[in-house]
Amino acid sequence: MIAPDDLTRAVEAVLFAADEPLTVEMIRAHVGEEADVRGALEGLAEHYAGRGIELVRRGERWHFQTAGDLAHLLRRDREEARKLSRAAIETLAIIAYHEPVTRAEIEAIRGVQISKGTLDVLMEAGWARPAGRRETPGRPLQFATTAEFLTHFGLASRRDLPGIDDLRAAGLLDPIDLAMAEMAIGEDAEDEVANAAEED
């Protein structure tokens, strides 16, 4: 049995040597199935908080990364910004908020067809992935976001995606979109009133 201090050091060493983020189960494969890996991870995250590197959790995986406010010091060459088309951005947002989602569902939400290339771009970027087939006629392919998506956008999980109130407060919603959303809410309320009157 590894003593707590030795366990923390072992978990730290495994994470440091890993070339990809690791799950608790993957770490246990190195340090022992009975080890309190979650406790060690929490201790390490606290130890590294506010330092030059930090231990972060992305979904169910853990890894070390440069502190966000210091990342610019390590960039020798300017990274070329990856520019996505409006269609790709909208498609990625739909996948993130509705996953797992099929191509037909994406098109229904956007109101237009998407080209195969749009999904290819998102998969090449590592932000979207096939997520199995829907058990409906035709068994359409579903799409979901990836751990790389969470890492790139600094999210611990999809629960951290901004809600409509957050987007409104940040001024990211188009006034026309807001008006349409309010009209839809008004129509829903009118339908409820009409349905209640019919039941009476």
C-alpha atoms as a PDB file:
ATOM      1  CA  MET A   1       0.000   0.000   0.000  1.00  0.00           C
ATOM      2  CA  ILE A   2       1.391   3.405  -0.998  1.00  0.00           C
ATOM      3  CA  ALA A   3       1.486   6.021   1.797  1.00  0.00           C
ATOM      4  CA  PRO A   4      -0.515   9.207   1.061  1.00  0.00           C
ATOM      5  CA  ASP A   5       2.565  11.353   0.312  1.00  0.00           C
ATOM      6  CA  ASP A   6       4.023   8.644  -1.914  1.00  0.00           C
ATOM      7  CA  LEU A   7       0.665   8.222  -3.654  1.00  0.00           C
ATOM      8  CA  THR A   8       0.446  11.952  -4.397  1.00  0.00           C
ATOM      9  CA  ARG A   9       3.969  11.892  -5.802  1.00  0.00           C
ATOM     10  CA  ALA A  10       3.174   8.818  -7.890  1.00  0.00           C
ATOM     11  CA  VAL A  11      -0.001  10.399  -9.331  1.00  0.00           C
ATOM     12  CA  GLU A  12       1.944  13.599 -10.052  1.00  0.00           C
ATOM     13  CA  ALA A  13       4.651  11.611 -11.870  1.00  0.00           C
ATOM     14  CA  VAL A  14       2.125   9.651 -13.957  1.00  0.00           C
ATOM     15  CA  LEU A  15       0.327  12.841 -15.032  1.00  0.00           C
ATOM     16  CA  PHE A  16       3.576  14.640 -15.765  1.00  0.00           C
ATOM     17  CA  ALA A  17       4.818  11.825 -18.010  1.00  0.00           C
ATOM     18  CA  ALA A  18       1.511  11.318 -19.830  1.00  0.00           C
ATOM     19  CA  ASP A  19       1.159  12.629 -23.373  1.00  0.00           C
ATOM     20  CA  GLU A  20      -2.622  12.956 -23.049  1.00  0.00           C
ATOM     21  CA  PRO A  21      -5.126  13.781 -20.275  1.00  0.00           C
ATOM     22  CA  LEU A  22      -5.842  10.760 -18.053  1.00  0.00           C
ATOM     23  CA  THR A  23      -8.950   9.409 -16.327  1.00  0.00           C
ATOM     24  CA  VAL A  24      -8.892   8.240 -12.712  1.00  0.00           C
ATOM     25  CA  GLU A  25      -9.035   4.642 -13.951  1.00  0.00           C
ATOM     26  CA  MET A  26      -6.030   5.174 -16.235  1.00  0.00           C
ATOM     27  CA  ILE A  27      -4.028   6.596 -13.314  1.00  0.00           C
ATOM     28  CA  ARG A  28      -5.077   3.684 -11.072  1.00  0.00           C
ATOM     29  CA  ALA A  29      -3.629   1.273 -13.650  1.00  0.00           C
ATOM     30  CA  HIS A  30      -0.209   2.766 -12.755  1.00  0.00           C
ATOM     31  CA  VAL A  31      -0.496   3.384  -9.010  1.00  0.00           C
ATOM     32  CA  GLY A  32      -2.815   0.581  -7.853  1.00  0.00           C
ATOM     33  CA  GLU A  33      -6.506  -0.203  -8.059  1.00  0.00           C
ATOM     34  CA  GLU A  34      -7.142   0.500  -4.358  1.00  0.00           C
ATOM     35  CA  ALA A  35      -5.398   3.880  -4.326  1.00  0.00           C
ATOM     36  CA  ASP A  36      -7.354   7.028  -3.426  1.00  0.00           C
ATOM     37  CA  VAL A  37      -6.522   8.701  -6.738  1.00  0.00           C
ATOM     38  CA  ARG A  38      -9.361  11.254  -6.481  1.00  0.00           C
ATOM     39  CA  GLY A  39      -8.032  12.457  -3.123  1.00  0.00           C
ATOM     40  CA  ALA A  40      -4.515  12.742  -4.533  1.00  0.00           C
ATOM     41  CA  LEU A  41      -5.797  14.684  -7.556  1.00  0.00           C
ATOM     42  CA  GLU A  42      -7.704  17.127  -5.350  1.00  0.00           C
ATOM     43  CA  GLY A  43      -4.593  17.651  -3.217  1.00  0.00           C
ATOM     44  CA  LEU A  44      -2.449  18.241  -6.299  1.00  0.00           C
ATOM     45  CA  ALA A  45      -4.981  20.652  -7.822  1.00  0.00           C
ATOM     46  CA  GLU A  46      -4.946  22.653  -4.593  1.00  0.00           C
ATOM     47  CA  HIS A  47      -1.125  22.530  -4.403  1.00  0.00           C
ATOM     48  CA  TYR A  48      -0.716  23.828  -7.972  1.00  0.00           C
ATOM     49  CA  ALA A  49      -3.475  26.475  -7.801  1.00  0.00           C
ATOM     50  CA  GLY A  50      -2.045  29.907  -8.608  1.00  0.00           C
ATOM     51  CA  ARG A  51       1.320  28.540  -9.769  1.00  0.00           C
ATOM     52  CA  GLY A  52       2.938  28.597 -13.212  1.00  0.00           C
ATOM     53  CA  ILE A  53       1.396  25.273 -14.089  1.00  0.00           C
ATOM     54  CA  GLU A  54      -1.935  23.966 -12.869  1.00  0.00           C
ATOM     55  CA  LEU A  55      -3.712  20.642 -12.675  1.00  0.00           C
ATOM     56  CA  VAL A  56      -7.053  20.869 -14.448  1.00  0.00           C
ATOM     57  CA  ARG A  57      -9.977  18.564 -15.028  1.00  0.00           C
ATOM     58  CA  ARG A  58     -11.603  18.470 -18.466  1.00  0.00           C
ATOM     59  CA  GLY A  59     -14.641  16.229 -18.465  1.00  0.00           C
ATOM     60  CA  GLU A  60     -13.454  13.043 -16.723  1.00  0.00           C
ATOM     61  CA  ARG A  61      -9.767  13.546 -17.588  1.00  0.00           C
ATOM     62  CA  TRP A  62      -6.965  15.342 -15.734  1.00  0.00           C
ATOM     63  CA  HIS A  63      -3.778  16.974 -17.021  1.00  0.00           C
ATOM     64  CA  PHE A  64      -1.183  19.632 -16.265  1.00  0.00           C
ATOM     65  CA  GLN A  65      -1.236  22.826 -18.308  1.00  0.00           C
ATOM     66  CA  THR A  66       0.438  26.207 -18.271  1.00  0.00           C
ATOM     67  CA  ALA A  67      -1.483  28.760 -16.215  1.00  0.00           C
ATOM     68  CA  GLY A  68      -3.741  30.679 -18.567  1.00  0.00           C
ATOM     69  CA  ASP A  69      -2.266  34.081 -17.724  1.00  0.00           C
ATOM     70  CA  LEU A  70       1.277  32.857 -18.541  1.00  0.00           C
ATOM     71  CA  ALA A  71       0.658  30.951 -21.776  1.00  0.00           C
ATOM     72  CA  HIS A  72       1.785  33.937 -23.876  1.00  0.00           C
ATOM     73  CA  LEU A  73       5.320  33.636 -22.445  1.00  0.00           C
ATOM     74  CA  LEU A  74       5.782  30.220 -24.042  1.00  0.00           C
ATOM     75  CA  ARG A  75       4.633  31.084 -27.545  1.00  0.00           C
ATOM     76  CA  ARG A  76       7.690  31.575 -29.699  1.00  0.00           C
ATOM     77  CA  ASP A  77       5.744  31.721 -32.910  1.00  0.00           C
ATOM     78  CA  ARG A  78       2.371  33.289 -33.289  1.00  0.00           C
ATOM     79  CA  GLU A  79      -0.200  30.555 -33.673  1.00  0.00           C
ATOM     80  CA  GLU A  80      -2.235  30.959 -36.787  1.00  0.00           C
ATOM     81  CA  ALA A  81      -5.801  31.505 -35.701  1.00  0.00           C
ATOM     82  CA  ARG A  82      -8.127  28.774 -36.861  1.00  0.00           C
ATOM     83  CA  LYS A  83     -10.962  30.556 -38.594  1.00  0.00           C
ATOM     84  CA  LEU A  84     -14.263  28.761 -38.819  1.00  0.00           C
ATOM     85  CA  SER A  85     -17.026  29.693 -41.208  1.00  0.00           C
ATOM     86  CA  ARG A  86     -20.301  30.949 -39.764  1.00  0.00           C
ATOM     87  CA  ALA A  87     -21.865  27.607 -40.742  1.00  0.00           C
ATOM     88  CA  ALA A  88     -19.160  25.708 -38.833  1.00  0.00           C
ATOM     89  CA  ILE A  89     -19.559  27.911 -35.730  1.00  0.00           C
ATOM     90  CA  GLU A  90     -23.339  27.459 -35.755  1.00  0.00           C
ATOM     91  CA  THR A  91     -22.969  23.711 -36.295  1.00  0.00           C
ATOM     92  CA  LEU A  92     -20.459  23.414 -33.428  1.00  0.00           C
ATOM     93  CA  ALA A  93     -22.782  25.356 -31.114  1.00  0.00           C
ATOM     94  CA  ILE A  94     -25.727  23.104 -32.017  1.00  0.00           C
ATOM     95  CA  ILE A  95     -23.636  19.975 -31.380  1.00  0.00           C
ATOM     96  CA  ALA A  96     -22.401  21.346 -28.033  1.00  0.00           C
ATOM     97  CA  TYR A  97     -25.859  22.305 -26.761  1.00  0.00           C
ATOM     98  CA  HIS A  98     -27.844  19.362 -28.167  1.00  0.00           C
ATOM     99  CA  GLU A  99     -25.439  16.408 -28.310  1.00  0.00           C
ATOM    100  CA  PRO A 100     -25.718  13.698 -29.375  1.00  0.00           C
ATOM    101  CA  VAL A 101     -27.339  15.181 -32.483  1.00  0.00           C
ATOM    102  CA  THR A 102     -27.832  13.944 -36.055  1.00  0.00           C
ATOM    103  CA  ARG A 103     -27.152  15.857 -39.273  1.00  0.00           C
ATOM    104  CA  ALA A 104     -30.927  16.134 -39.889  1.00  0.00           C
ATOM    105  CA  GLU A 105     -31.425  17.647 -36.419  1.00  0.00           C
ATOM    106  CA  ILE A 106     -28.595  20.141 -37.018  1.00  0.00           C
ATOM    107  CA  GLU A 107     -30.196  21.151 -40.322  1.00  0.00           C
ATOM    108  CA  ALA A 108     -33.645  21.463 -38.708  1.00  0.00           C
ATOM    109  CA  ILE A 109     -32.264  23.781 -36.014  1.00  0.00           C
ATOM    110  CA  ARG A 110     -30.210  25.880 -38.459  1.00  0.00           C
ATOM    111  CA  GLY A 111     -32.989  25.926 -41.067  1.00  0.00           C
ATOM    112  CA  VAL A 112     -30.558  25.154 -43.903  1.00  0.00           C
ATOM    113  CA  GLN A 113     -28.633  22.140 -45.144  1.00  0.00           C
ATOM    114  CA  ILE A 114     -25.016  21.758 -44.068  1.00  0.00           C
ATOM    115  CA  SER A 115     -22.298  20.554 -46.361  1.00  0.00           C
ATOM    116  CA  LYS A 116     -20.352  17.427 -45.452  1.00  0.00           C
ATOM    117  CA  GLY A 117     -17.256  19.617 -45.359  1.00  0.00           C
ATOM    118  CA  THR A 118     -18.558  21.555 -42.362  1.00  0.00           C
ATOM    119  CA  LEU A 119     -18.614  18.487 -40.132  1.00  0.00           C
ATOM    120  CA  ASP A 120     -15.263  17.358 -41.579  1.00  0.00           C
ATOM    121  CA  VAL A 121     -13.668  20.676 -40.547  1.00  0.00           C
ATOM    122  CA  LEU A 122     -14.977  20.303 -36.982  1.00  0.00           C
ATOM    123  CA  MET A 123     -13.732  16.706 -36.772  1.00  0.00           C
ATOM    124  CA  GLU A 124     -10.303  17.645 -38.182  1.00  0.00           C
ATOM    125  CA  ALA A 125     -10.062  20.386 -35.563  1.00  0.00           C
ATOM    126  CA  GLY A 126     -10.716  17.690 -32.947  1.00  0.00           C
ATOM    127  CA  TRP A 127     -13.831  19.435 -31.616  1.00  0.00           C
ATOM    128  CA  ALA A 128     -16.539  17.068 -32.903  1.00  0.00           C
ATOM    129  CA  ARG A 129     -16.694  13.297 -33.245  1.00  0.00           C
ATOM    130  CA  PRO A 130     -19.111  10.599 -34.403  1.00  0.00           C
ATOM    131  CA  ALA A 131     -21.117   9.391 -31.400  1.00  0.00           C
ATOM    132  CA  GLY A 132     -22.765   6.201 -32.585  1.00  0.00           C
ATOM    133  CA  ARG A 133     -25.978   5.704 -34.501  1.00  0.00           C
ATOM    134  CA  ARG A 134     -29.499   6.648 -33.434  1.00  0.00           C
ATOM    135  CA  GLU A 135     -31.758   3.621 -32.996  1.00  0.00           C
ATOM    136  CA  THR A 136     -34.374   4.952 -35.420  1.00  0.00           C
ATOM    137  CA  PRO A 137     -35.182   4.052 -39.044  1.00  0.00           C
ATOM    138  CA  GLY A 138     -32.110   4.609 -41.196  1.00  0.00           C
ATOM    139  CA  ARG A 139     -29.905   4.592 -38.073  1.00  0.00           C
ATOM    140  CA  PRO A 140     -28.492   8.110 -38.665  1.00  0.00           C
ATOM    141  CA  LEU A 141     -25.022   8.943 -37.385  1.00  0.00           C
ATOM    142  CA  GLN A 142     -24.904  11.192 -34.310  1.00  0.00           C
ATOM    143  CA  PHE A 143     -22.288  13.790 -33.439  1.00  0.00           C
ATOM    144  CA  ALA A 144     -20.934  15.032 -30.105  1.00  0.00           C
ATOM    145  CA  THR A 145     -18.141  17.273 -28.822  1.00  0.00           C
ATOM    146  CA  THR A 146     -14.752  15.987 -27.664  1.00  0.00           C
ATOM    147  CA  ALA A 147     -12.409  16.414 -24.700  1.00  0.00           C
ATOM    148  CA  GLU A 148     -10.306  18.658 -26.989  1.00  0.00           C
ATOM    149  CA  PHE A 149     -13.348  20.927 -27.410  1.00  0.00           C
ATOM    150  CA  LEU A 150     -13.600  21.307 -23.620  1.00  0.00           C
ATOM    151  CA  THR A 151      -9.856  21.960 -23.326  1.00  0.00           C
ATOM    152  CA  HIS A 152      -9.744  24.516 -26.161  1.00  0.00           C
ATOM    153  CA  PHE A 153     -12.646  26.524 -24.747  1.00  0.00           C
ATOM    154  CA  GLY A 154     -11.549  26.175 -21.115  1.00  0.00           C
ATOM    155  CA  LEU A 155     -14.603  24.195 -19.977  1.00  0.00           C
ATOM    156  CA  ALA A 156     -14.589  21.548 -17.264  1.00  0.00           C
ATOM    157  CA  SER A 157     -17.779  20.051 -18.719  1.00  0.00           C
ATOM    158  CA  ARG A 158     -20.673  20.964 -21.015  1.00  0.00           C
ATOM    159  CA  ARG A 159     -22.509  22.275 -17.944  1.00  0.00           C
ATOM    160  CA  ASP A 160     -20.137  25.258 -18.118  1.00  0.00           C
ATOM    161  CA  LEU A 161     -21.494  26.375 -21.512  1.00  0.00           C
ATOM    162  CA  PRO A 162     -23.121  29.817 -21.226  1.00  0.00           C
ATOM    163  CA  GLY A 163     -26.911  29.915 -20.971  1.00  0.00           C
ATOM    164  CA  ILE A 164     -29.200  32.350 -22.779  1.00  0.00           C
ATOM    165  CA  ASP A 165     -29.104  34.795 -19.840  1.00  0.00           C
ATOM    166  CA  ASP A 166     -25.274  34.759 -19.918  1.00  0.00           C
ATOM    167  CA  LEU A 167     -25.255  35.404 -23.674  1.00  0.00           C
ATOM    168  CA  ARG A 168     -27.796  38.211 -23.317  1.00  0.00           C
ATOM    169  CA  ALA A 169     -25.761  39.837 -20.502  1.00  0.00           C
ATOM    170  CA  ALA A 170     -22.610  39.656 -22.638  1.00  0.00           C
ATOM    171  CA  GLY A 171     -24.422  41.346 -25.543  1.00  0.00           C
ATOM    172  CA  LEU A 172     -23.822  38.356 -27.806  1.00  0.00           C
ATOM    173  CA  LEU A 173     -27.418  37.905 -28.879  1.00  0.00           C
ATOM    174  CA  ASP A 174     -28.626  39.793 -31.924  1.00  0.00           C
ATOM    175  CA  PRO A 175     -31.616  42.085 -31.130  1.00  0.00           C
ATOM    176  CA  ILE A 176     -33.575  40.259 -33.856  1.00  0.00           C
ATOM    177  CA  ASP A 177     -32.776  36.917 -32.172  1.00  0.00           C
ATOM    178  CA  LEU A 178     -33.980  38.349 -28.843  1.00  0.00           C
ATOM    179  CA  ALA A 179     -37.205  39.620 -30.423  1.00  0.00           C
ATOM    180  CA  MET A 180     -37.823  36.242 -32.075  1.00  0.00           C
ATOM    181  CA  ALA A 181     -37.176  34.421 -28.787  1.00  0.00           C
ATOM    182  CA  GLU A 182     -39.584  36.732 -26.946  1.00  0.00           C
ATOM    183  CA  MET A 183     -42.211  36.233 -29.681  1.00  0.00           C
ATOM    184  CA  ALA A 184     -41.813  32.458 -29.358  1.00  0.00           C
ATOM    185  CA  ILE A 185     -42.236  32.708 -25.579  1.00  0.00           C
ATOM    186  CA  GLY A 186     -45.342  34.898 -26.096  1.00  0.00           C
ATOM    187  CA  GLU A 187     -46.823  32.426 -28.598  1.00  0.00           C
ATOM    188  CA  ASP A 188     -46.217  29.545 -26.191  1.00  0.00           C
ATOM    189  CA  ALA A 189     -48.000  31.465 -23.422  1.00  0.00           C
ATOM    190  CA  GLU A 190     -50.955  32.226 -25.736  1.00  0.00           C
ATOM    191  CA  ASP A 191     -51.174  28.546 -26.705  1.00  0.00           C
ATOM    192  CA  GLU A 192     -51.236  27.555 -23.035  1.00  0.00           C
ATOM    193  CA  VAL A 193     -54.057  30.028 -22.330  1.00  0.00           C
ATOM    194  CA  ALA A 194     -56.024  28.769 -25.359  1.00  0.00           C
ATOM    195  CA  ASN A 195     -55.532  25.145 -24.354  1.00  0.00           C
ATOM    196  CA  ALA A 196     -56.645  25.892 -20.795  1.00  0.00           C
ATOM    197  CA  ALA A 197     -59.781  27.663 -22.115  1.00  0.00           C
ATOM    198  CA  GLU A 198     -60.636  24.671 -24.339  1.00  0.00           C
ATOM    199  CA  GLU A 199     -60.299  22.299 -21.396  1.00  0.00           C
ATOM    200  CA  ASP A 200     -62.700  24.444 -19.348  1.00  0.00           C
END
